[in-house]
Amino acid sequence: SPVSFSCQAPAYASCPSPLGIKFAARGSACIEGNFVPHGFHCTAQCEQGYSPTPPTMLCVAGTLEPRSFNCLESSCRLPEITNVASPMCAPDRNGTSIIE
């Protein structure tokens, strides 16, 4: 009998998609579905207007690395408008930018 032993997840164990992430897409938080095979990536997906950080997680023996992600509000790009006065944006009373 061995002096010591350890339990390890089988190399083929799949990873469950993360749960309970605020602003994650409905259905599965991973584009690949509710389970991601060992050695494959979970491509995180968020509701429209939010971006995942980090965008992918690697499945290693049943555990995603990193274990989860956040959905952060996406910044939006200003439209390109010809013949517009400069500057196109100015801070409002709350300190956020608005189009003039």
C-alpha atoms as a PDB file:
ATOM      1  CA  SER A   1       0.000   0.000   0.000  1.00  0.00           C
ATOM      2  CA  PRO A   2       1.330   3.498  -0.795  1.00  0.00           C
ATOM      3  CA  VAL A   3       2.488   5.845   1.962  1.00  0.00           C
ATOM      4  CA  SER A   4       0.353   8.662   0.549  1.00  0.00           C
ATOM      5  CA  PHE A   5      -2.141   9.124  -2.230  1.00  0.00           C
ATOM      6  CA  SER A   6      -4.234  11.902  -3.737  1.00  0.00           C
ATOM      7  CA  CYS A   7      -7.506  12.026  -5.584  1.00  0.00           C
ATOM      8  CA  GLN A   8      -7.452  13.698  -8.974  1.00  0.00           C
ATOM      9  CA  ALA A   9     -10.239  14.455 -11.378  1.00  0.00           C
ATOM     10  CA  PRO A  10     -10.050  12.368 -14.539  1.00  0.00           C
ATOM     11  CA  ALA A  11      -8.266  14.155 -17.373  1.00  0.00           C
ATOM     12  CA  TYR A  12     -11.450  13.955 -19.429  1.00  0.00           C
ATOM     13  CA  ALA A  13     -13.714  15.718 -16.872  1.00  0.00           C
ATOM     14  CA  SER A  14     -15.775  18.498 -18.419  1.00  0.00           C
ATOM     15  CA  CYS A  15     -16.378  21.884 -16.782  1.00  0.00           C
ATOM     16  CA  PRO A  16     -19.818  23.276 -15.998  1.00  0.00           C
ATOM     17  CA  SER A  17     -20.580  26.721 -17.341  1.00  0.00           C
ATOM     18  CA  PRO A  18     -20.379  29.387 -14.578  1.00  0.00           C
ATOM     19  CA  LEU A  19     -23.646  30.258 -12.831  1.00  0.00           C
ATOM     20  CA  GLY A  20     -24.948  33.400 -11.141  1.00  0.00           C
ATOM     21  CA  ILE A  21     -23.003  35.940 -13.195  1.00  0.00           C
ATOM     22  CA  LYS A  22     -24.695  39.331 -13.271  1.00  0.00           C
ATOM     23  CA  PHE A  23     -25.526  40.390 -16.853  1.00  0.00           C
ATOM     24  CA  ALA A  24     -24.442  37.028 -18.346  1.00  0.00           C
ATOM     25  CA  ALA A  25     -26.349  35.954 -21.452  1.00  0.00           C
ATOM     26  CA  ARG A  26     -29.501  33.934 -20.851  1.00  0.00           C
ATOM     27  CA  GLY A  27     -29.143  30.206 -21.255  1.00  0.00           C
ATOM     28  CA  SER A  28     -25.483  29.364 -20.862  1.00  0.00           C
ATOM     29  CA  ALA A  29     -22.712  31.724 -19.792  1.00  0.00           C
ATOM     30  CA  CYS A  30     -20.432  29.882 -22.274  1.00  0.00           C
ATOM     31  CA  ILE A  31     -21.079  30.027 -26.013  1.00  0.00           C
ATOM     32  CA  GLU A  32     -20.058  26.344 -26.073  1.00  0.00           C
ATOM     33  CA  GLY A  33     -23.005  25.357 -23.850  1.00  0.00           C
ATOM     34  CA  ASN A  34     -23.604  24.226 -20.272  1.00  0.00           C
ATOM     35  CA  PHE A  35     -20.495  21.994 -20.226  1.00  0.00           C
ATOM     36  CA  VAL A  36     -17.060  22.552 -21.770  1.00  0.00           C
ATOM     37  CA  PRO A  37     -14.787  19.542 -22.476  1.00  0.00           C
ATOM     38  CA  HIS A  38     -11.390  19.247 -20.800  1.00  0.00           C
ATOM     39  CA  GLY A  39      -8.758  21.172 -22.767  1.00  0.00           C
ATOM     40  CA  PHE A  40     -11.284  23.454 -24.460  1.00  0.00           C
ATOM     41  CA  HIS A  41     -12.195  27.075 -23.740  1.00  0.00           C
ATOM     42  CA  CYS A  42     -15.432  28.532 -22.446  1.00  0.00           C
ATOM     43  CA  THR A  43     -16.100  31.647 -24.490  1.00  0.00           C
ATOM     44  CA  ALA A  44     -17.915  33.913 -22.053  1.00  0.00           C
ATOM     45  CA  GLN A  45     -21.054  35.678 -23.244  1.00  0.00           C
ATOM     46  CA  CYS A  46     -22.890  38.631 -21.743  1.00  0.00           C
ATOM     47  CA  GLU A  47     -26.122  40.466 -22.379  1.00  0.00           C
ATOM     48  CA  GLN A  48     -26.084  43.116 -25.089  1.00  0.00           C
ATOM     49  CA  GLY A  49     -24.242  46.220 -23.889  1.00  0.00           C
ATOM     50  CA  TYR A  50     -21.837  44.239 -21.672  1.00  0.00           C
ATOM     51  CA  SER A  51     -18.455  42.637 -22.375  1.00  0.00           C
ATOM     52  CA  PRO A  52     -16.904  39.607 -20.616  1.00  0.00           C
ATOM     53  CA  THR A  53     -13.671  39.932 -18.622  1.00  0.00           C
ATOM     54  CA  PRO A  54     -11.805  37.687 -19.152  1.00  0.00           C
ATOM     55  CA  PRO A  55     -13.319  36.698 -22.517  1.00  0.00           C
ATOM     56  CA  THR A  56     -12.312  33.011 -22.250  1.00  0.00           C
ATOM     57  CA  MET A  57     -11.594  30.409 -19.575  1.00  0.00           C
ATOM     58  CA  LEU A  58      -9.785  27.088 -20.053  1.00  0.00           C
ATOM     59  CA  CYS A  59     -11.305  23.819 -18.790  1.00  0.00           C
ATOM     60  CA  VAL A  60      -8.686  21.795 -16.891  1.00  0.00           C
ATOM     61  CA  ALA A  61      -9.809  18.505 -15.319  1.00  0.00           C
ATOM     62  CA  GLY A  62     -13.286  19.758 -14.427  1.00  0.00           C
ATOM     63  CA  THR A  63     -12.361  23.286 -13.314  1.00  0.00           C
ATOM     64  CA  LEU A  64     -12.405  26.472 -15.374  1.00  0.00           C
ATOM     65  CA  GLU A  65      -9.258  28.615 -15.182  1.00  0.00           C
ATOM     66  CA  PRO A  66     -10.022  31.288 -14.139  1.00  0.00           C
ATOM     67  CA  ARG A  67     -13.150  29.976 -12.415  1.00  0.00           C
ATOM     68  CA  SER A  68     -15.479  32.780 -13.530  1.00  0.00           C
ATOM     69  CA  PHE A  69     -15.824  36.064 -15.393  1.00  0.00           C
ATOM     70  CA  ASN A  70     -17.558  39.419 -15.038  1.00  0.00           C
ATOM     71  CA  CYS A  71     -19.819  41.202 -17.477  1.00  0.00           C
ATOM     72  CA  LEU A  72     -18.781  44.853 -17.547  1.00  0.00           C
ATOM     73  CA  GLU A  73     -20.691  47.641 -19.230  1.00  0.00           C
ATOM     74  CA  SER A  74     -19.294  48.150 -22.724  1.00  0.00           C
ATOM     75  CA  SER A  75     -18.079  51.544 -23.759  1.00  0.00           C
ATOM     76  CA  CYS A  76     -19.655  52.821 -26.910  1.00  0.00           C
ATOM     77  CA  ARG A  77     -17.921  54.521 -29.768  1.00  0.00           C
ATOM     78  CA  LEU A  78     -19.071  57.893 -30.991  1.00  0.00           C
ATOM     79  CA  PRO A  79     -20.500  57.969 -34.479  1.00  0.00           C
ATOM     80  CA  GLU A  80     -18.428  59.543 -37.225  1.00  0.00           C
ATOM     81  CA  ILE A  81     -20.179  62.719 -38.312  1.00  0.00           C
ATOM     82  CA  THR A  82     -18.830  65.017 -40.986  1.00  0.00           C
ATOM     83  CA  ASN A  83     -18.838  68.786 -40.481  1.00  0.00           C
ATOM     84  CA  VAL A  84     -19.450  68.529 -36.736  1.00  0.00           C
ATOM     85  CA  ALA A  85     -18.334  71.238 -34.335  1.00  0.00           C
ATOM     86  CA  SER A  86     -15.468  70.279 -32.091  1.00  0.00           C
ATOM     87  CA  PRO A  87     -15.649  68.987 -29.395  1.00  0.00           C
ATOM     88  CA  MET A  88     -18.549  66.668 -30.111  1.00  0.00           C
ATOM     89  CA  CYS A  89     -18.843  65.619 -26.443  1.00  0.00           C
ATOM     90  CA  ALA A  90     -18.882  67.602 -23.240  1.00  0.00           C
ATOM     91  CA  PRO A  91     -19.347  66.579 -19.614  1.00  0.00           C
ATOM     92  CA  ASP A  92     -22.845  66.867 -18.203  1.00  0.00           C
ATOM     93  CA  ARG A  93     -23.639  67.784 -14.594  1.00  0.00           C
ATOM     94  CA  ASN A  94     -22.808  64.237 -13.439  1.00  0.00           C
ATOM     95  CA  GLY A  95     -19.382  64.265 -15.106  1.00  0.00           C
ATOM     96  CA  THR A  96     -20.373  61.855 -17.866  1.00  0.00           C
ATOM     97  CA  SER A  97     -20.011  62.718 -21.520  1.00  0.00           C
ATOM     98  CA  ILE A  98     -22.951  63.619 -23.681  1.00  0.00           C
ATOM     99  CA  ILE A  99     -23.245  64.582 -27.324  1.00  0.00           C
ATOM    100  CA  GLU A 100     -23.876  68.258 -27.762  1.00  0.00           C
END
